[in-house]
């Protein structure tokens, strides 16, 4: 959508493909900065709540799960999010991701194992 809205800024000095990749790269950087700011706000908020003596285990668990999900490779993260969080079947997730069914099943199994490992280490 951004590329379409900024199509007038394409001046032809480079190939259209490289211009489009530049637009996508800048959008990715913006999203990453936004995500980092959001994570920082959540961490500050959790620290302030802990400093007040009010414990929010649900919020801590959410932050731990978010951190564990971010440690997964992108393909595993997508498969885990669809199958375990959004209740997609493996077949539906395979169709949505454009990946073979067996690949999605292995991504979910490996991702689940990695999440359990990371979360158990955190709680130990």
N, C-alpha and C. Protein backbone atom coordinates (compact mmCIF):
# COMPACT_ATOMS: atom_id res chain seq x y z
N UNK A 1 0.83 -1.18 0.00
CA UNK A 1 0.00 0.00 0.00
C UNK A 1 0.88 1.26 0.00
N UNK A 2 1.92 1.21 0.82
CA UNK A 2 2.82 2.36 0.90
C UNK A 2 3.49 2.63 -0.45
N UNK A 3 3.91 1.56 -1.11
CA UNK A 3 4.55 1.72 -2.42
C UNK A 3 3.58 2.35 -3.41
N UNK A 4 2.35 1.88 -3.39
CA UNK A 4 1.34 2.42 -4.31
C UNK A 4 1.12 3.90 -4.04
N UNK A 5 1.02 4.26 -2.76
CA UNK A 5 0.76 5.66 -2.40
C UNK A 5 1.96 6.56 -2.72
N UNK A 6 3.17 6.00 -2.75
CA UNK A 6 4.37 6.80 -3.01
C UNK A 6 4.94 6.55 -4.40
N UNK A 7 4.15 6.00 -5.28
CA UNK A 7 4.62 5.68 -6.62
C UNK A 7 5.17 6.91 -7.34
N UNK A 8 4.63 8.08 -7.05
CA UNK A 8 5.12 9.31 -7.70
C UNK A 8 6.56 9.64 -7.32
N UNK A 9 7.02 9.08 -6.19
CA UNK A 9 8.40 9.37 -5.78
C UNK A 9 9.42 8.53 -6.57
N UNK A 10 8.96 7.54 -7.33
CA UNK A 10 9.87 6.75 -8.16
C UNK A 10 10.30 7.61 -9.34
N UNK A 11 11.61 7.90 -9.39
CA UNK A 11 12.10 8.82 -10.41
C UNK A 11 12.86 8.13 -11.55
N UNK A 12 12.99 6.81 -11.48
CA UNK A 12 13.62 6.09 -12.56
C UNK A 12 15.14 6.05 -12.52
N UNK A 13 15.78 6.63 -11.49
CA UNK A 13 17.24 6.58 -11.40
C UNK A 13 17.73 5.18 -11.09
N UNK A 14 16.89 4.36 -10.52
CA UNK A 14 17.23 2.97 -10.24
C UNK A 14 16.12 2.10 -10.82
N UNK A 15 16.30 0.80 -10.71
CA UNK A 15 15.24 -0.09 -11.22
C UNK A 15 14.04 -0.02 -10.29
N UNK A 16 12.89 -0.34 -10.83
CA UNK A 16 11.67 -0.33 -10.03
C UNK A 16 11.78 -1.33 -8.90
N UNK A 17 12.40 -2.47 -9.18
CA UNK A 17 12.57 -3.51 -8.17
C UNK A 17 13.37 -3.00 -6.98
N UNK A 18 14.48 -2.33 -7.23
CA UNK A 18 15.30 -1.84 -6.12
C UNK A 18 14.56 -0.72 -5.36
N UNK A 19 13.81 0.10 -6.06
CA UNK A 19 13.01 1.13 -5.38
C UNK A 19 11.98 0.48 -4.47
N UNK A 20 11.29 -0.55 -4.98
CA UNK A 20 10.28 -1.25 -4.21
C UNK A 20 10.89 -1.95 -3.00
N UNK A 21 12.05 -2.56 -3.18
CA UNK A 21 12.74 -3.20 -2.05
C UNK A 21 13.14 -2.16 -1.00
N UNK A 22 13.53 -0.99 -1.44
CA UNK A 22 13.85 0.09 -0.50
C UNK A 22 12.65 0.52 0.32
N UNK A 23 11.49 0.61 -0.33
CA UNK A 23 10.25 0.96 0.37
C UNK A 23 9.94 -0.10 1.43
N UNK A 24 10.05 -1.37 1.02
CA UNK A 24 9.77 -2.48 1.95
C UNK A 24 10.77 -2.49 3.11
N UNK A 25 12.03 -2.23 2.81
CA UNK A 25 13.06 -2.20 3.86
C UNK A 25 12.78 -1.10 4.88
N UNK A 26 12.42 0.08 4.39
CA UNK A 26 12.12 1.18 5.32
C UNK A 26 10.89 0.88 6.15
N UNK A 27 9.89 0.23 5.57
CA UNK A 27 8.70 -0.17 6.34
C UNK A 27 9.08 -1.18 7.42
N UNK A 28 9.96 -2.09 7.08
CA UNK A 28 10.43 -3.10 8.04
C UNK A 28 11.16 -2.43 9.20
N UNK A 29 12.04 -1.48 8.90
CA UNK A 29 12.76 -0.77 9.95
C UNK A 29 11.81 0.00 10.86
N UNK A 30 10.82 0.63 10.27
CA UNK A 30 9.84 1.38 11.06
C UNK A 30 9.08 0.45 11.99
N UNK A 31 8.66 -0.70 11.49
CA UNK A 31 7.94 -1.67 12.31
C UNK A 31 8.83 -2.20 13.43
N UNK A 32 10.09 -2.44 13.13
CA UNK A 32 11.01 -2.93 14.15
C UNK A 32 11.21 -1.90 15.25
N UNK A 33 11.39 -0.64 14.87
CA UNK A 33 11.53 0.42 15.88
C UNK A 33 10.29 0.50 16.74
N UNK A 34 9.13 0.40 16.13
CA UNK A 34 7.87 0.44 16.86
C UNK A 34 7.77 -0.72 17.84
N UNK A 35 8.16 -1.90 17.38
CA UNK A 35 8.12 -3.08 18.24
C UNK A 35 9.07 -2.94 19.42
N UNK A 36 10.26 -2.41 19.17
CA UNK A 36 11.22 -2.22 20.25
C UNK A 36 10.71 -1.21 21.28
N UNK A 37 10.08 -0.14 20.79
CA UNK A 37 9.51 0.85 21.72
C UNK A 37 8.40 0.24 22.55
N UNK A 38 7.57 -0.57 21.92
CA UNK A 38 6.47 -1.22 22.62
C UNK A 38 7.00 -2.18 23.68
N UNK A 39 8.01 -2.95 23.32
CA UNK A 39 8.61 -3.88 24.28
C UNK A 39 9.23 -3.12 25.45
N UNK A 40 9.89 -2.01 25.15
CA UNK A 40 10.50 -1.20 26.20
C UNK A 40 9.43 -0.64 27.14
N UNK A 41 8.31 -0.16 26.58
CA UNK A 41 7.21 0.34 27.42
C UNK A 41 6.66 -0.75 28.31
N UNK A 42 6.49 -1.96 27.76
CA UNK A 42 5.97 -3.07 28.55
C UNK A 42 6.93 -3.43 29.69
N UNK A 43 8.21 -3.42 29.40
CA UNK A 43 9.21 -3.75 30.42
C UNK A 43 9.23 -2.69 31.51
N UNK A 44 9.19 -1.43 31.13
CA UNK A 44 9.17 -0.35 32.12
C UNK A 44 7.92 -0.45 32.98
N UNK A 45 6.79 -0.71 32.35
CA UNK A 45 5.54 -0.83 33.08
C UNK A 45 5.60 -1.98 34.08
N UNK A 46 6.12 -3.14 33.64
CA UNK A 46 6.22 -4.30 34.52
C UNK A 46 7.17 -4.01 35.68
N UNK A 47 8.27 -3.32 35.41
CA UNK A 47 9.22 -2.95 36.47
C UNK A 47 8.57 -2.01 37.47
N UNK A 48 7.79 -1.05 36.98
CA UNK A 48 7.12 -0.11 37.88
C UNK A 48 6.10 -0.84 38.74
N UNK A 49 5.36 -1.77 38.15
CA UNK A 49 4.37 -2.53 38.91
C UNK A 49 5.06 -3.38 39.97
N UNK A 50 6.20 -3.96 39.62
CA UNK A 50 6.94 -4.77 40.59
C UNK A 50 7.47 -3.89 41.72
N UNK A 51 7.88 -2.66 41.38
CA UNK A 51 8.38 -1.71 42.38
C UNK A 51 7.30 -1.26 43.32
N UNK A 52 6.05 -1.29 42.88
CA UNK A 52 4.92 -0.89 43.72
C UNK A 52 4.48 -2.01 44.64
N UNK A 53 5.10 -3.19 44.48
CA UNK A 53 4.69 -4.33 45.29
C UNK A 53 3.51 -5.07 44.72
N UNK A 54 3.02 -4.65 43.58
CA UNK A 54 1.89 -5.32 42.93
C UNK A 54 2.46 -6.27 41.90
N UNK A 55 2.22 -7.54 42.09
CA UNK A 55 2.73 -8.50 41.13
C UNK A 55 1.64 -8.84 40.14
N UNK A 56 2.02 -8.90 38.91
CA UNK A 56 1.10 -9.23 37.82
C UNK A 56 1.65 -10.45 37.10
N UNK A 57 1.45 -11.65 37.63
CA UNK A 57 2.02 -12.82 36.95
C UNK A 57 1.51 -12.98 35.53
N UNK A 58 0.28 -12.61 35.28
CA UNK A 58 -0.25 -12.76 33.92
C UNK A 58 0.54 -11.88 32.95
N UNK A 59 0.85 -10.66 33.35
CA UNK A 59 1.62 -9.75 32.49
C UNK A 59 3.05 -10.27 32.32
N UNK A 60 3.62 -10.77 33.38
CA UNK A 60 4.98 -11.33 33.28
C UNK A 60 4.99 -12.54 32.36
N UNK A 61 3.96 -13.37 32.47
CA UNK A 61 3.86 -14.54 31.59
C UNK A 61 3.71 -14.11 30.13
N UNK A 62 2.92 -13.08 29.89
CA UNK A 62 2.73 -12.58 28.52
C UNK A 62 4.04 -12.07 27.95
N UNK A 63 4.78 -11.32 28.76
CA UNK A 63 6.07 -10.80 28.30
C UNK A 63 7.07 -11.93 28.06
N UNK A 64 7.05 -12.94 28.94
CA UNK A 64 7.94 -14.09 28.77
C UNK A 64 7.60 -14.85 27.50
N UNK A 65 6.30 -15.04 27.24
CA UNK A 65 5.89 -15.74 26.03
C UNK A 65 6.26 -14.93 24.79
N UNK A 66 6.07 -13.62 24.85
CA UNK A 66 6.42 -12.77 23.71
C UNK A 66 7.92 -12.86 23.43
N UNK A 67 8.71 -12.82 24.47
CA UNK A 67 10.16 -12.92 24.30
C UNK A 67 10.54 -14.29 23.74
N UNK A 68 9.91 -15.34 24.23
CA UNK A 68 10.20 -16.68 23.74
C UNK A 68 9.80 -16.82 22.27
N UNK A 69 8.64 -16.26 21.90
CA UNK A 69 8.20 -16.30 20.50
C UNK A 69 9.19 -15.58 19.60
N UNK A 70 9.73 -14.47 20.07
CA UNK A 70 10.69 -13.71 19.26
C UNK A 70 12.00 -14.45 19.07
N UNK A 71 12.27 -15.43 19.94
CA UNK A 71 13.50 -16.21 19.80
C UNK A 71 13.37 -17.28 18.71
N UNK A 72 12.15 -17.56 18.28
CA UNK A 72 11.93 -18.57 17.23
C UNK A 72 12.25 -18.00 15.86
N UNK A 73 12.71 -18.85 14.94
CA UNK A 73 12.86 -18.41 13.56
C UNK A 73 11.50 -18.00 13.00
N UNK A 74 11.49 -17.12 12.05
CA UNK A 74 10.26 -16.54 11.51
C UNK A 74 9.26 -17.60 11.06
N UNK A 75 9.72 -18.63 10.34
CA UNK A 75 8.81 -19.65 9.82
C UNK A 75 8.16 -20.42 10.97
N UNK A 76 8.95 -20.77 11.99
CA UNK A 76 8.40 -21.48 13.14
C UNK A 76 7.42 -20.58 13.90
N UNK A 77 7.79 -19.32 14.07
CA UNK A 77 6.93 -18.38 14.79
C UNK A 77 5.57 -18.26 14.11
N UNK A 78 5.57 -18.16 12.79
CA UNK A 78 4.32 -18.03 12.06
C UNK A 78 3.47 -19.28 12.21
N UNK A 79 4.08 -20.45 12.10
CA UNK A 79 3.33 -21.70 12.22
C UNK A 79 2.79 -21.88 13.63
N UNK A 80 3.59 -21.57 14.63
CA UNK A 80 3.15 -21.69 16.03
C UNK A 80 2.01 -20.71 16.30
N UNK A 81 2.15 -19.49 15.84
CA UNK A 81 1.11 -18.48 16.08
C UNK A 81 -0.21 -18.90 15.45
N UNK A 82 -0.16 -19.42 14.24
CA UNK A 82 -1.40 -19.82 13.57
C UNK A 82 -2.02 -21.06 14.21
N UNK A 83 -1.21 -22.07 14.48
CA UNK A 83 -1.75 -23.34 14.96
C UNK A 83 -2.06 -23.34 16.45
N UNK A 84 -1.20 -22.74 17.25
CA UNK A 84 -1.41 -22.80 18.69
C UNK A 84 -2.18 -21.60 19.24
N UNK A 85 -1.98 -20.44 18.67
CA UNK A 85 -2.65 -19.25 19.19
C UNK A 85 -3.95 -18.95 18.47
N UNK A 86 -3.98 -19.13 17.17
CA UNK A 86 -5.17 -18.78 16.39
C UNK A 86 -6.05 -19.98 16.07
N UNK A 87 -5.69 -21.15 16.59
CA UNK A 87 -6.47 -22.39 16.41
C UNK A 87 -6.68 -22.77 14.95
N UNK A 88 -5.70 -22.50 14.10
CA UNK A 88 -5.76 -23.00 12.72
C UNK A 88 -5.40 -24.48 12.75
N UNK A 89 -5.97 -25.25 11.86
CA UNK A 89 -5.50 -26.62 11.69
C UNK A 89 -4.16 -26.55 10.96
N UNK A 90 -3.43 -27.67 10.98
CA UNK A 90 -2.15 -27.67 10.27
C UNK A 90 -2.38 -27.42 8.78
N UNK A 91 -3.44 -28.00 8.24
CA UNK A 91 -3.75 -27.81 6.82
C UNK A 91 -4.08 -26.36 6.50
N UNK A 92 -4.86 -25.72 7.37
CA UNK A 92 -5.20 -24.31 7.15
C UNK A 92 -3.96 -23.43 7.24
N UNK A 93 -3.10 -23.75 8.21
CA UNK A 93 -1.87 -22.97 8.35
C UNK A 93 -0.96 -23.17 7.14
N UNK A 94 -0.89 -24.40 6.65
CA UNK A 94 -0.07 -24.68 5.47
C UNK A 94 -0.56 -23.88 4.27
N UNK A 95 -1.86 -23.80 4.13
CA UNK A 95 -2.43 -23.04 3.02
C UNK A 95 -2.15 -21.55 3.20
N UNK A 96 -2.33 -21.04 4.41
CA UNK A 96 -2.10 -19.62 4.67
C UNK A 96 -0.64 -19.23 4.47
N UNK A 97 0.26 -20.12 4.86
CA UNK A 97 1.69 -19.82 4.75
C UNK A 97 2.28 -20.20 3.41
N UNK A 98 1.53 -20.95 2.62
CA UNK A 98 2.04 -21.39 1.32
C UNK A 98 3.18 -22.38 1.48
N UNK A 99 3.09 -23.22 2.51
CA UNK A 99 4.14 -24.19 2.80
C UNK A 99 3.54 -25.59 2.79
N UNK A 100 4.37 -26.60 2.57
CA UNK A 100 3.87 -27.98 2.61
C UNK A 100 3.37 -28.34 4.01
N UNK A 101 2.39 -29.24 4.08
CA UNK A 101 1.78 -29.64 5.34
C UNK A 101 2.82 -30.20 6.31
N UNK A 102 3.70 -31.05 5.83
CA UNK A 102 4.74 -31.65 6.69
C UNK A 102 5.67 -30.61 7.27
N UNK A 103 5.98 -29.59 6.49
CA UNK A 103 6.85 -28.51 6.97
C UNK A 103 6.17 -27.75 8.09
N UNK A 104 4.89 -27.45 7.93
CA UNK A 104 4.16 -26.74 8.98
C UNK A 104 4.10 -27.57 10.24
N UNK A 105 3.84 -28.88 10.10
CA UNK A 105 3.78 -29.75 11.28
C UNK A 105 5.11 -29.76 12.02
N UNK A 106 6.21 -29.85 11.27
CA UNK A 106 7.52 -29.87 11.93
C UNK A 106 7.85 -28.51 12.55
N UNK A 107 7.45 -27.41 11.90
CA UNK A 107 7.67 -26.08 12.49
C UNK A 107 6.91 -25.94 13.80
N UNK A 108 5.68 -26.43 13.83
CA UNK A 108 4.88 -26.34 15.06
C UNK A 108 5.51 -27.19 16.16
N UNK A 109 5.89 -28.41 15.83
CA UNK A 109 6.48 -29.30 16.84
C UNK A 109 7.79 -28.72 17.39
N UNK A 110 8.66 -28.28 16.50
CA UNK A 110 9.94 -27.71 16.95
C UNK A 110 9.74 -26.39 17.70
N UNK A 111 8.81 -25.58 17.20
CA UNK A 111 8.54 -24.30 17.87
C UNK A 111 7.98 -24.50 19.25
N UNK A 112 7.04 -25.44 19.40
CA UNK A 112 6.45 -25.74 20.71
C UNK A 112 7.54 -26.22 21.67
N UNK A 113 8.40 -27.11 21.20
CA UNK A 113 9.48 -27.63 22.05
C UNK A 113 10.41 -26.51 22.49
N UNK A 114 10.76 -25.63 21.57
CA UNK A 114 11.66 -24.51 21.89
C UNK A 114 10.99 -23.56 22.89
N UNK A 115 9.70 -23.26 22.69
CA UNK A 115 8.98 -22.38 23.63
C UNK A 115 8.96 -22.98 25.02
N UNK A 116 8.66 -24.28 25.12
CA UNK A 116 8.64 -24.93 26.43
C UNK A 116 10.01 -24.87 27.09
N UNK A 117 11.04 -25.09 26.30
CA UNK A 117 12.41 -25.05 26.83
C UNK A 117 12.74 -23.66 27.34
N UNK A 118 12.46 -22.65 26.57
CA UNK A 118 12.77 -21.27 26.95
C UNK A 118 11.97 -20.86 28.18
N UNK A 119 10.69 -21.18 28.21
CA UNK A 119 9.84 -20.79 29.33
C UNK A 119 10.18 -21.55 30.60
N UNK A 120 10.58 -22.82 30.49
CA UNK A 120 10.99 -23.59 31.67
C UNK A 120 12.29 -23.03 32.25
N UNK A 121 13.23 -22.65 31.38
CA UNK A 121 14.49 -22.06 31.87
C UNK A 121 14.22 -20.75 32.59
N UNK A 122 13.26 -20.00 32.09
CA UNK A 122 12.92 -18.70 32.70
C UNK A 122 12.30 -18.90 34.08
N UNK A 123 11.48 -19.95 34.22
CA UNK A 123 10.79 -20.18 35.50
C UNK A 123 11.64 -20.97 36.49
N UNK A 124 12.76 -21.51 36.04
CA UNK A 124 13.60 -22.31 36.94
C UNK A 124 14.38 -21.46 37.90
